[in-house]
N, C-alpha and C. Protein backbone atom coordinates (compact mmCIF):
# COMPACT_ATOMS: atom_id res chain seq x y z
N UNK A 1 71.90 118.12 75.00
CA UNK A 1 72.41 116.93 74.34
C UNK A 1 73.72 117.24 73.63
N UNK A 2 73.77 118.39 72.99
CA UNK A 2 74.97 118.78 72.27
C UNK A 2 76.13 118.96 73.24
N UNK A 3 75.86 119.61 74.38
CA UNK A 3 76.92 119.86 75.36
C UNK A 3 77.43 118.55 75.96
N UNK A 4 76.54 117.55 76.10
CA UNK A 4 76.95 116.26 76.64
C UNK A 4 77.92 115.57 75.67
N UNK A 5 77.62 115.64 74.35
CA UNK A 5 78.52 115.04 73.37
C UNK A 5 79.86 115.77 73.36
N UNK A 6 79.81 117.07 73.50
CA UNK A 6 81.05 117.85 73.48
C UNK A 6 81.91 117.49 74.68
N UNK A 7 81.29 117.28 75.85
CA UNK A 7 82.08 116.98 77.03
C UNK A 7 82.66 115.57 76.99
N UNK A 8 82.11 114.68 76.14
CA UNK A 8 82.63 113.33 76.03
C UNK A 8 83.91 113.29 75.22
N UNK A 9 84.17 114.31 74.42
CA UNK A 9 85.38 114.37 73.61
C UNK A 9 86.55 114.85 74.46
N UNK A 10 87.75 114.31 74.24
CA UNK A 10 88.91 114.83 74.97
C UNK A 10 89.07 116.31 74.69
N UNK A 11 89.34 117.08 75.73
CA UNK A 11 89.44 118.52 75.58
C UNK A 11 90.75 118.94 74.95
N UNK A 12 91.80 118.19 75.19
CA UNK A 12 93.11 118.49 74.62
C UNK A 12 93.81 117.18 74.35
N UNK A 13 94.73 117.17 73.38
CA UNK A 13 95.46 115.93 73.16
C UNK A 13 96.28 115.57 74.40
N UNK A 14 96.42 114.27 74.64
CA UNK A 14 97.16 113.87 75.84
C UNK A 14 98.65 114.07 75.64
N UNK A 15 99.38 114.40 76.73
CA UNK A 15 100.82 114.59 76.62
C UNK A 15 101.51 113.30 76.20
N UNK A 16 102.60 113.43 75.46
CA UNK A 16 103.35 112.27 75.00
C UNK A 16 103.81 111.44 76.20
N UNK A 17 103.73 110.12 76.06
CA UNK A 17 104.22 109.23 77.11
C UNK A 17 103.20 108.92 78.19
N UNK A 18 102.02 109.50 78.14
CA UNK A 18 101.04 109.21 79.18
C UNK A 18 100.30 107.92 78.84
N UNK A 19 99.90 107.18 79.87
CA UNK A 19 99.18 105.93 79.68
C UNK A 19 97.71 106.23 79.38
N UNK A 20 97.00 105.19 78.94
CA UNK A 20 95.57 105.35 78.66
C UNK A 20 94.81 105.72 79.94
N UNK A 21 95.18 105.09 81.06
CA UNK A 21 94.50 105.39 82.33
C UNK A 21 94.76 106.83 82.73
N UNK A 22 96.01 107.27 82.60
CA UNK A 22 96.33 108.65 82.93
C UNK A 22 95.58 109.61 82.02
N UNK A 23 95.53 109.28 80.72
CA UNK A 23 94.84 110.15 79.77
C UNK A 23 93.36 110.28 80.12
N UNK A 24 92.75 109.17 80.49
CA UNK A 24 91.33 109.21 80.84
C UNK A 24 91.10 110.05 82.10
N UNK A 25 91.95 109.84 83.11
CA UNK A 25 91.83 110.62 84.34
C UNK A 25 92.07 112.11 84.07
N UNK A 26 93.02 112.39 83.19
CA UNK A 26 93.34 113.77 82.86
C UNK A 26 92.15 114.45 82.20
N UNK A 27 91.51 113.74 81.27
CA UNK A 27 90.33 114.30 80.59
C UNK A 27 89.22 114.58 81.60
N UNK A 28 89.02 113.65 82.53
CA UNK A 28 87.99 113.84 83.56
C UNK A 28 88.33 115.03 84.46
N UNK A 29 89.60 115.17 84.83
CA UNK A 29 90.00 116.30 85.67
C UNK A 29 89.79 117.62 84.95
N UNK A 30 90.23 117.70 83.70
CA UNK A 30 90.09 118.95 82.93
C UNK A 30 88.61 119.29 82.76
N UNK A 31 87.78 118.27 82.49
CA UNK A 31 86.34 118.51 82.39
C UNK A 31 85.77 118.96 83.73
N UNK A 32 86.26 118.35 84.81
CA UNK A 32 85.81 118.76 86.14
C UNK A 32 86.19 120.18 86.46
N UNK A 33 87.39 120.58 86.06
CA UNK A 33 87.82 121.95 86.28
C UNK A 33 86.97 122.95 85.49
N UNK A 34 86.41 122.45 84.38
CA UNK A 34 85.54 123.30 83.56
C UNK A 34 84.10 123.28 84.08
N UNK A 35 83.83 122.53 85.18
CA UNK A 35 82.51 122.57 85.77
C UNK A 35 81.71 121.28 85.67
N UNK A 36 82.24 120.24 85.07
CA UNK A 36 81.53 118.98 84.92
C UNK A 36 81.71 118.15 86.20
N UNK A 37 80.75 118.23 87.11
CA UNK A 37 80.85 117.59 88.42
C UNK A 37 80.92 116.06 88.30
N UNK A 38 80.18 115.48 87.37
CA UNK A 38 80.17 114.02 87.21
C UNK A 38 81.54 113.52 86.76
N UNK A 39 82.15 114.22 85.83
CA UNK A 39 83.48 113.81 85.35
C UNK A 39 84.52 114.00 86.46
N UNK A 40 84.36 115.06 87.25
CA UNK A 40 85.30 115.28 88.35
C UNK A 40 85.19 114.15 89.37
N UNK A 41 83.96 113.71 89.64
CA UNK A 41 83.75 112.58 90.56
C UNK A 41 84.42 111.33 90.00
N UNK A 42 84.30 111.10 88.68
CA UNK A 42 84.96 109.95 88.04
C UNK A 42 86.48 110.06 88.18
N UNK A 43 86.99 111.29 88.06
CA UNK A 43 88.43 111.51 88.24
C UNK A 43 88.85 111.09 89.64
N UNK A 44 88.14 111.56 90.66
CA UNK A 44 88.51 111.23 92.05
C UNK A 44 88.38 109.73 92.33
N UNK A 45 87.30 109.12 91.81
CA UNK A 45 87.11 107.68 92.02
C UNK A 45 88.23 106.89 91.35
N UNK A 46 88.56 107.25 90.10
CA UNK A 46 89.63 106.54 89.40
C UNK A 46 90.98 106.76 90.04
N UNK A 47 91.22 107.98 90.46
CA UNK A 47 92.50 108.30 91.10
C UNK A 47 92.65 107.54 92.41
N UNK A 48 91.56 107.33 93.14
CA UNK A 48 91.62 106.61 94.42
C UNK A 48 92.27 105.24 94.28
N UNK A 49 91.86 104.49 93.27
CA UNK A 49 92.41 103.15 93.07
C UNK A 49 93.90 103.19 92.79
N UNK A 50 94.33 104.12 91.94
CA UNK A 50 95.75 104.23 91.62
C UNK A 50 96.57 104.67 92.84
N UNK A 51 96.05 105.64 93.58
CA UNK A 51 96.76 106.12 94.76
C UNK A 51 96.84 105.04 95.84
N UNK A 52 95.76 104.29 96.01
CA UNK A 52 95.76 103.23 97.01
C UNK A 52 96.86 102.21 96.71
N UNK A 53 96.97 101.82 95.44
CA UNK A 53 98.02 100.86 95.05
C UNK A 53 99.40 101.46 95.27
N UNK A 54 99.57 102.73 94.92
CA UNK A 54 100.84 103.44 95.10
C UNK A 54 101.23 103.45 96.58
N UNK A 55 100.27 103.79 97.45
CA UNK A 55 100.55 103.88 98.88
C UNK A 55 100.82 102.51 99.49
N UNK A 56 100.09 101.50 99.06
CA UNK A 56 100.30 100.15 99.60
C UNK A 56 101.69 99.63 99.26
N UNK A 57 102.17 99.97 98.07
CA UNK A 57 103.53 99.54 97.70
C UNK A 57 104.58 100.22 98.57
N UNK A 58 104.32 101.44 98.97
CA UNK A 58 105.31 102.19 99.74
C UNK A 58 105.16 102.03 101.25
N UNK A 59 104.03 101.50 101.69
CA UNK A 59 103.79 101.32 103.13
C UNK A 59 103.39 99.88 103.43
N UNK A 60 104.24 98.92 103.09
CA UNK A 60 103.84 97.52 103.29
C UNK A 60 103.60 97.16 104.74
N UNK A 61 104.25 97.89 105.68
CA UNK A 61 104.08 97.57 107.10
C UNK A 61 103.14 98.53 107.80
N UNK A 62 102.50 99.40 107.04
CA UNK A 62 101.58 100.37 107.65
C UNK A 62 100.25 100.35 106.91
N UNK A 63 99.76 99.15 106.63
CA UNK A 63 98.52 99.01 105.85
C UNK A 63 97.34 99.73 106.49
N UNK A 64 97.32 99.79 107.82
CA UNK A 64 96.21 100.45 108.51
C UNK A 64 96.19 101.95 108.24
N UNK A 65 97.32 102.51 107.89
CA UNK A 65 97.41 103.96 107.65
C UNK A 65 97.13 104.34 106.21
N UNK A 66 97.09 103.38 105.29
CA UNK A 66 96.95 103.69 103.86
C UNK A 66 95.67 104.47 103.59
N UNK A 67 94.54 104.05 104.15
CA UNK A 67 93.28 104.74 103.86
C UNK A 67 93.29 106.18 104.38
N UNK A 68 93.90 106.40 105.54
CA UNK A 68 93.98 107.77 106.06
C UNK A 68 94.81 108.65 105.15
N UNK A 69 95.98 108.13 104.72
CA UNK A 69 96.84 108.91 103.84
C UNK A 69 96.17 109.11 102.49
N UNK A 70 95.45 108.09 102.02
CA UNK A 70 94.72 108.22 100.76
C UNK A 70 93.72 109.37 100.84
N UNK A 71 92.95 109.43 101.92
CA UNK A 71 91.96 110.51 102.06
C UNK A 71 92.63 111.87 102.15
N UNK A 72 93.74 111.95 102.87
CA UNK A 72 94.48 113.21 102.97
C UNK A 72 95.01 113.64 101.61
N UNK A 73 95.49 112.66 100.83
CA UNK A 73 96.05 112.96 99.51
C UNK A 73 94.94 113.42 98.56
N UNK A 74 93.80 112.73 98.59
CA UNK A 74 92.68 113.14 97.73
C UNK A 74 92.20 114.55 98.09
N UNK A 75 92.17 114.84 99.38
CA UNK A 75 91.78 116.18 99.81
C UNK A 75 92.79 117.22 99.32
N UNK A 76 94.08 116.86 99.40
CA UNK A 76 95.13 117.78 98.92
C UNK A 76 95.02 117.98 97.41
N UNK A 77 94.73 116.91 96.67
CA UNK A 77 94.54 117.02 95.21
C UNK A 77 93.36 117.96 94.93
N UNK A 78 92.27 117.74 95.65
CA UNK A 78 91.09 118.60 95.46
C UNK A 78 91.40 120.06 95.77
N UNK A 79 92.09 120.30 96.88
CA UNK A 79 92.41 121.67 97.28
C UNK A 79 93.40 122.34 96.33
N UNK A 80 94.24 121.53 95.66
CA UNK A 80 95.25 122.08 94.76
C UNK A 80 94.85 121.99 93.29
N UNK A 81 93.61 121.59 93.01
CA UNK A 81 93.20 121.36 91.63
C UNK A 81 93.41 122.57 90.73
N UNK A 82 93.31 123.77 91.30
CA UNK A 82 93.49 124.99 90.51
C UNK A 82 94.94 125.16 90.05
N UNK A 83 95.88 124.40 90.62
CA UNK A 83 97.29 124.53 90.23
C UNK A 83 97.65 123.62 89.06
N UNK A 84 96.74 122.69 88.71
CA UNK A 84 97.05 121.78 87.61
C UNK A 84 96.94 122.51 86.28
N UNK A 85 97.96 122.35 85.44
CA UNK A 85 97.95 122.93 84.10
C UNK A 85 97.77 121.79 83.11
N UNK A 86 96.77 121.88 82.25
CA UNK A 86 96.45 120.76 81.34
C UNK A 86 97.61 120.30 80.46
N UNK A 87 98.59 121.15 80.21
CA UNK A 87 99.71 120.73 79.35
C UNK A 87 100.74 119.88 80.10
N UNK A 88 100.65 119.81 81.42
CA UNK A 88 101.60 119.01 82.18
C UNK A 88 101.06 117.61 82.42
N UNK A 89 101.96 116.62 82.55
CA UNK A 89 101.51 115.25 82.81
C UNK A 89 100.79 115.17 84.15
N UNK A 90 99.68 114.49 84.18
CA UNK A 90 98.89 114.34 85.41
C UNK A 90 99.68 113.55 86.45
N UNK A 91 100.39 112.52 86.00
CA UNK A 91 101.13 111.68 86.94
C UNK A 91 102.13 112.48 87.77
N UNK A 92 102.87 113.36 87.12
CA UNK A 92 103.88 114.15 87.84
C UNK A 92 103.22 115.05 88.88
N UNK A 93 102.10 115.65 88.52
CA UNK A 93 101.40 116.56 89.42
C UNK A 93 100.86 115.80 90.64
N UNK A 94 100.18 114.68 90.38
CA UNK A 94 99.61 113.88 91.48
C UNK A 94 100.72 113.27 92.33
N UNK A 95 101.78 112.79 91.66
CA UNK A 95 102.88 112.16 92.38
C UNK A 95 103.52 113.15 93.35
N UNK A 96 103.67 114.39 92.95
CA UNK A 96 104.26 115.40 93.85
C UNK A 96 103.40 115.57 95.10
N UNK A 97 102.10 115.62 94.93
CA UNK A 97 101.19 115.78 96.07
C UNK A 97 101.24 114.55 96.97
N UNK A 98 101.18 113.35 96.36
CA UNK A 98 101.21 112.11 97.13
C UNK A 98 102.54 111.97 97.88
N UNK A 99 103.63 112.36 97.24
CA UNK A 99 104.95 112.27 97.88
C UNK A 99 105.01 113.17 99.12
N UNK A 100 104.45 114.38 99.02
CA UNK A 100 104.44 115.28 100.18
C UNK A 100 103.62 114.68 101.32
N UNK A 101 102.50 114.07 100.99
CA UNK A 101 101.68 113.45 102.04
C UNK A 101 102.41 112.27 102.68
N UNK A 102 103.14 111.50 101.87
CA UNK A 102 103.94 110.41 102.43
C UNK A 102 105.04 110.95 103.34
N UNK A 103 105.70 112.02 102.91
CA UNK A 103 106.75 112.60 103.74
C UNK A 103 106.18 113.12 105.05
N UNK A 104 104.99 113.73 105.00
CA UNK A 104 104.33 114.17 106.23
C UNK A 104 104.10 112.97 107.16
N UNK A 105 103.63 111.86 106.58
CA UNK A 105 103.36 110.66 107.36
C UNK A 105 104.66 110.14 108.00
N UNK A 106 105.73 110.05 107.20
CA UNK A 106 107.00 109.54 107.73
C UNK A 106 107.56 110.46 108.80
N UNK A 107 107.44 111.78 108.59
CA UNK A 107 107.93 112.71 109.61
C UNK A 107 107.16 112.54 110.91
N UNK A 108 105.84 112.44 110.80
CA UNK A 108 105.01 112.31 112.00
C UNK A 108 105.29 111.00 112.73
N UNK A 109 105.57 109.94 111.98
CA UNK A 109 105.76 108.65 112.61
C UNK A 109 107.20 108.38 113.02
N UNK A 110 108.16 109.08 112.44
CA UNK A 110 109.55 108.79 112.78
C UNK A 110 109.83 109.10 114.24
N UNK A 111 109.30 110.19 114.75
CA UNK A 111 109.52 110.51 116.16
C UNK A 111 108.79 109.53 117.06
N UNK A 112 107.55 109.18 116.67
CA UNK A 112 106.81 108.22 117.47
C UNK A 112 107.48 106.85 117.44
N UNK A 113 107.96 106.45 116.24
CA UNK A 113 108.60 105.15 116.11
C UNK A 113 109.93 105.11 116.87
N UNK A 114 110.60 106.27 117.01
CA UNK A 114 111.86 106.30 117.74
C UNK A 114 111.65 105.87 119.19
N UNK A 115 110.46 106.10 119.71
CA UNK A 115 110.18 105.68 121.08
C UNK A 115 110.12 104.16 121.20
N UNK A 116 109.93 103.48 120.07
CA UNK A 116 109.79 102.03 120.08
C UNK A 116 111.02 101.32 119.54
N UNK A 117 112.10 102.05 119.26
CA UNK A 117 113.32 101.42 118.76
C UNK A 117 113.83 100.43 119.77
N UNK A 118 114.24 99.24 119.29
CA UNK A 118 114.84 98.29 120.23
C UNK A 118 116.18 98.84 120.71
N UNK A 119 116.44 98.71 122.00
CA UNK A 119 117.68 99.25 122.52
C UNK A 119 118.57 98.16 123.09
N UNK A 120 118.09 96.95 123.18
CA UNK A 120 118.89 95.85 123.67
C UNK A 120 118.42 94.59 122.96
N UNK A 121 119.28 93.59 122.88
CA UNK A 121 118.93 92.39 122.14
C UNK A 121 117.91 91.51 122.84
N UNK A 122 117.80 91.60 124.16
CA UNK A 122 116.90 90.69 124.85
C UNK A 122 115.43 91.00 124.59
N UNK A 123 115.09 92.26 124.31
CA UNK A 123 113.73 92.63 123.95
C UNK A 123 112.70 92.35 125.02
N UNK A 124 113.10 92.00 126.22
CA UNK A 124 112.13 91.60 127.23
C UNK A 124 111.57 92.73 128.06
N UNK A 125 112.11 93.93 127.92
CA UNK A 125 111.72 95.01 128.80
C UNK A 125 110.26 95.42 128.61
N UNK A 126 109.82 95.58 127.38
CA UNK A 126 108.46 96.05 127.13
C UNK A 126 107.64 95.03 126.35
N UNK A 127 107.85 93.77 126.61
CA UNK A 127 107.12 92.74 125.87
C UNK A 127 105.63 92.83 126.13
N UNK A 128 105.23 92.95 127.36
CA UNK A 128 103.81 93.02 127.67
C UNK A 128 103.61 93.86 128.91
N UNK A 129 102.45 94.48 128.99
CA UNK A 129 102.14 95.27 130.17
C UNK A 129 100.64 95.30 130.34
N UNK A 130 100.21 95.17 131.57
CA UNK A 130 98.78 95.26 131.82
C UNK A 130 98.46 96.40 132.78
N UNK A 131 99.42 97.31 132.97
CA UNK A 131 99.18 98.44 133.86
C UNK A 131 98.58 99.60 133.06
N UNK A 132 97.92 100.47 133.74
CA UNK A 132 97.36 101.66 133.12
C UNK A 132 98.49 102.59 132.68
N UNK A 133 98.29 103.40 131.62
CA UNK A 133 99.34 104.30 131.15
C UNK A 133 99.87 105.24 132.23
N UNK A 134 99.00 105.72 133.13
CA UNK A 134 99.49 106.63 134.16
C UNK A 134 100.42 105.90 135.13
N UNK A 135 100.11 104.63 135.43
CA UNK A 135 100.99 103.85 136.29
C UNK A 135 102.33 103.63 135.61
N UNK A 136 102.28 103.34 134.33
CA UNK A 136 103.52 103.10 133.58
C UNK A 136 104.38 104.36 133.56
N UNK A 137 103.75 105.54 133.33
CA UNK A 137 104.51 106.79 133.33
C UNK A 137 105.15 107.04 134.69
N UNK A 138 104.40 106.77 135.74
CA UNK A 138 104.93 106.97 137.10
C UNK A 138 106.10 106.01 137.36
N UNK A 139 105.96 104.75 136.93
CA UNK A 139 107.03 103.77 137.11
C UNK A 139 108.28 104.16 136.34
N UNK A 140 108.11 104.64 135.11
CA UNK A 140 109.25 105.07 134.31
C UNK A 140 109.93 106.26 134.96
N UNK A 141 109.13 107.20 135.48
CA UNK A 141 109.71 108.37 136.14
C UNK A 141 110.53 107.97 137.35
N UNK A 142 110.03 106.99 138.12
CA UNK A 142 110.77 106.52 139.29
C UNK A 142 112.07 105.85 138.87
N UNK A 143 112.00 105.02 137.83
CA UNK A 143 113.21 104.35 137.34
C UNK A 143 114.23 105.36 136.84
N UNK A 144 113.76 106.36 136.09
CA UNK A 144 114.68 107.35 135.53
C UNK A 144 115.36 108.17 136.62
N UNK A 145 114.66 108.44 137.73
CA UNK A 145 115.25 109.24 138.81
C UNK A 145 116.46 108.56 139.42
N UNK A 146 116.53 107.23 139.30
CA UNK A 146 117.66 106.49 139.86
C UNK A 146 118.91 106.61 138.99
N UNK A 147 118.76 107.12 137.77
CA UNK A 147 119.91 107.24 136.87
C UNK A 147 120.63 108.56 137.07
N UNK A 148 121.93 108.60 136.80
CA UNK A 148 122.64 109.88 136.83
C UNK A 148 122.16 110.76 135.67
N UNK A 149 122.33 112.08 135.82
CA UNK A 149 121.86 113.01 134.80
C UNK A 149 122.40 112.69 133.42
N UNK A 150 123.65 112.23 133.32
CA UNK A 150 124.26 111.97 132.01
C UNK A 150 123.55 110.85 131.26
N UNK A 151 122.78 110.02 131.97
CA UNK A 151 121.99 108.96 131.34
C UNK A 151 120.51 109.34 131.29
N UNK A 152 120.02 109.92 132.38
CA UNK A 152 118.59 110.24 132.47
C UNK A 152 118.18 111.29 131.44
N UNK A 153 118.93 112.40 131.35
CA UNK A 153 118.54 113.48 130.43
C UNK A 153 118.49 113.02 128.97
N UNK A 154 119.51 112.32 128.47
CA UNK A 154 119.41 111.87 127.08
C UNK A 154 118.21 110.96 126.82
N UNK A 155 117.89 110.07 127.77
CA UNK A 155 116.73 109.19 127.59
C UNK A 155 115.44 110.01 127.57
N UNK A 156 115.32 110.94 128.50
CA UNK A 156 114.11 111.77 128.54
C UNK A 156 113.93 112.55 127.24
N UNK A 157 115.01 113.18 126.78
CA UNK A 157 114.91 114.05 125.61
C UNK A 157 114.74 113.28 124.31
N UNK A 158 115.51 112.21 124.12
CA UNK A 158 115.48 111.48 122.85
C UNK A 158 114.35 110.46 122.81
N UNK A 159 114.25 109.63 123.83
CA UNK A 159 113.28 108.53 123.78
C UNK A 159 111.88 108.94 124.22
N UNK A 160 111.76 109.84 125.19
CA UNK A 160 110.44 110.20 125.68
C UNK A 160 109.86 111.45 125.02
N UNK A 161 110.71 112.45 124.77
CA UNK A 161 110.21 113.68 124.15
C UNK A 161 110.35 113.66 122.63
N UNK A 162 111.12 112.71 122.09
CA UNK A 162 111.23 112.56 120.65
C UNK A 162 112.17 113.54 119.97
N UNK A 163 113.07 114.17 120.71
CA UNK A 163 114.04 115.08 120.10
C UNK A 163 115.10 114.27 119.34
N UNK A 164 115.72 114.90 118.35
CA UNK A 164 116.84 114.26 117.68
C UNK A 164 118.04 114.28 118.62
N UNK A 165 119.05 113.51 118.28
CA UNK A 165 120.26 113.48 119.10
C UNK A 165 120.89 114.87 119.14
N UNK A 166 120.90 115.55 117.98
CA UNK A 166 121.49 116.89 117.92
C UNK A 166 120.72 117.87 118.79
N UNK A 167 119.39 117.80 118.74
CA UNK A 167 118.56 118.70 119.57
C UNK A 167 118.78 118.42 121.05
N UNK A 168 118.85 117.14 121.40
CA UNK A 168 119.06 116.77 122.80
C UNK A 168 120.43 117.24 123.28
N UNK A 169 121.44 117.09 122.44
CA UNK A 169 122.79 117.52 122.80
C UNK A 169 122.82 119.02 123.08
N UNK A 170 122.15 119.76 122.22
CA UNK A 170 122.11 121.22 122.41
C UNK A 170 121.36 121.58 123.68
N UNK A 171 120.25 120.90 123.94
CA UNK A 171 119.41 121.21 125.09
C UNK A 171 120.13 120.92 126.41
N UNK A 172 120.87 119.80 126.49
CA UNK A 172 121.48 119.46 127.78
C UNK A 172 122.97 119.75 127.83
N UNK A 173 123.51 120.41 126.80
CA UNK A 173 124.90 120.84 126.83
C UNK A 173 125.91 119.70 126.74
N UNK A 174 125.56 118.65 126.02
CA UNK A 174 126.45 117.50 125.86
C UNK A 174 126.80 117.38 124.38
N UNK A 175 127.84 116.62 124.08
CA UNK A 175 128.14 116.33 122.68
C UNK A 175 127.14 115.29 122.17
N UNK A 176 127.01 115.18 120.85
CA UNK A 176 126.08 114.20 120.29
C UNK A 176 126.50 112.78 120.65
N UNK A 177 127.80 112.51 120.62
CA UNK A 177 128.25 111.16 120.96
C UNK A 177 127.97 110.87 122.44
N UNK A 178 128.10 111.89 123.32
CA UNK A 178 127.79 111.68 124.73
C UNK A 178 126.31 111.38 124.92
N UNK A 179 125.45 112.03 124.13
CA UNK A 179 124.01 111.75 124.20
C UNK A 179 123.73 110.32 123.79
N UNK A 180 124.34 109.87 122.69
CA UNK A 180 124.13 108.49 122.23
C UNK A 180 124.60 107.48 123.27
N UNK A 181 125.78 107.74 123.82
CA UNK A 181 126.32 106.85 124.86
C UNK A 181 125.42 106.87 126.09
N UNK A 182 124.94 108.06 126.47
CA UNK A 182 124.06 108.19 127.63
C UNK A 182 122.78 107.40 127.46
N UNK A 183 122.19 107.49 126.26
CA UNK A 183 120.96 106.73 126.00
C UNK A 183 121.24 105.23 126.09
N UNK A 184 122.29 104.79 125.42
CA UNK A 184 122.61 103.37 125.39
C UNK A 184 122.89 102.82 126.80
N UNK A 185 123.78 103.51 127.52
CA UNK A 185 124.14 103.03 128.86
C UNK A 185 122.99 103.15 129.85
N UNK A 186 122.22 104.22 129.71
CA UNK A 186 121.08 104.41 130.59
C UNK A 186 120.02 103.34 130.40
N UNK A 187 119.74 102.99 129.15
CA UNK A 187 118.76 101.94 128.87
C UNK A 187 119.26 100.58 129.35
N UNK A 188 120.54 100.33 129.19
CA UNK A 188 121.10 99.07 129.70
C UNK A 188 120.96 99.02 131.22
N UNK A 189 121.23 100.15 131.88
CA UNK A 189 121.10 100.19 133.35
C UNK A 189 119.66 99.97 133.77
N UNK A 190 118.71 100.58 133.02
CA UNK A 190 117.29 100.39 133.35
C UNK A 190 116.89 98.94 133.16
N UNK A 191 117.33 98.33 132.06
CA UNK A 191 116.99 96.93 131.81
C UNK A 191 117.55 96.04 132.91
N UNK A 192 118.78 96.30 133.33
CA UNK A 192 119.38 95.50 134.39
C UNK A 192 118.63 95.69 135.70
N UNK A 193 118.22 96.93 136.00
CA UNK A 193 117.49 97.19 137.22
C UNK A 193 116.13 96.48 137.21
N UNK A 194 115.45 96.51 136.07
CA UNK A 194 114.14 95.85 135.96
C UNK A 194 114.31 94.35 136.08
N UNK A 195 115.30 93.79 135.41
CA UNK A 195 115.53 92.33 135.53
C UNK A 195 115.85 91.95 136.97
N UNK A 196 116.56 92.83 137.66
CA UNK A 196 116.89 92.56 139.07
C UNK A 196 115.69 92.63 139.97
N UNK A 197 114.66 93.43 139.58
CA UNK A 197 113.45 93.58 140.41
C UNK A 197 112.43 92.49 140.15
N UNK A 198 112.59 91.74 139.05
CA UNK A 198 111.58 90.72 138.74
C UNK A 198 112.03 89.35 139.15
């Protein structure tokens, strides 16, 4: 009974400028680090709500990914809990971890999203498809073979393999501007060829 009362008291004064919510979470974390499993669970539960709101504000168009990033961030917080120093603000510590997880998400999706960048104003090339992915890959390969190397290689490297323009330029021995021009002109040629076939 005595130990329960002792654990209910804040273990250390809260850092200046911290909010009541942060102070409460900080007390629960510090108690959890000292072995209080129930308080640690309260810390994780409370932190979940704050992190979810933080992630939703930063990912308004990726709502489906928020829960995955939230779980990854909570796991990272749990794995890094030994690095938290009670004299430092909890917000700064958690924010650094959440920011790294967001950067990981953006890095992982930037290459994938580059494959979906609009390349022409008509937008009709990939509006809908009912073919199997293997058929689509075969059709794209056939279309690409009809292009000259100066157009085909930049499209393959940048749009299909997800390389940056600089990486593609280095790989195929072209200047960066030549790679950009090759992608643009090659995609226009593909769009014209597809429109001509339909």
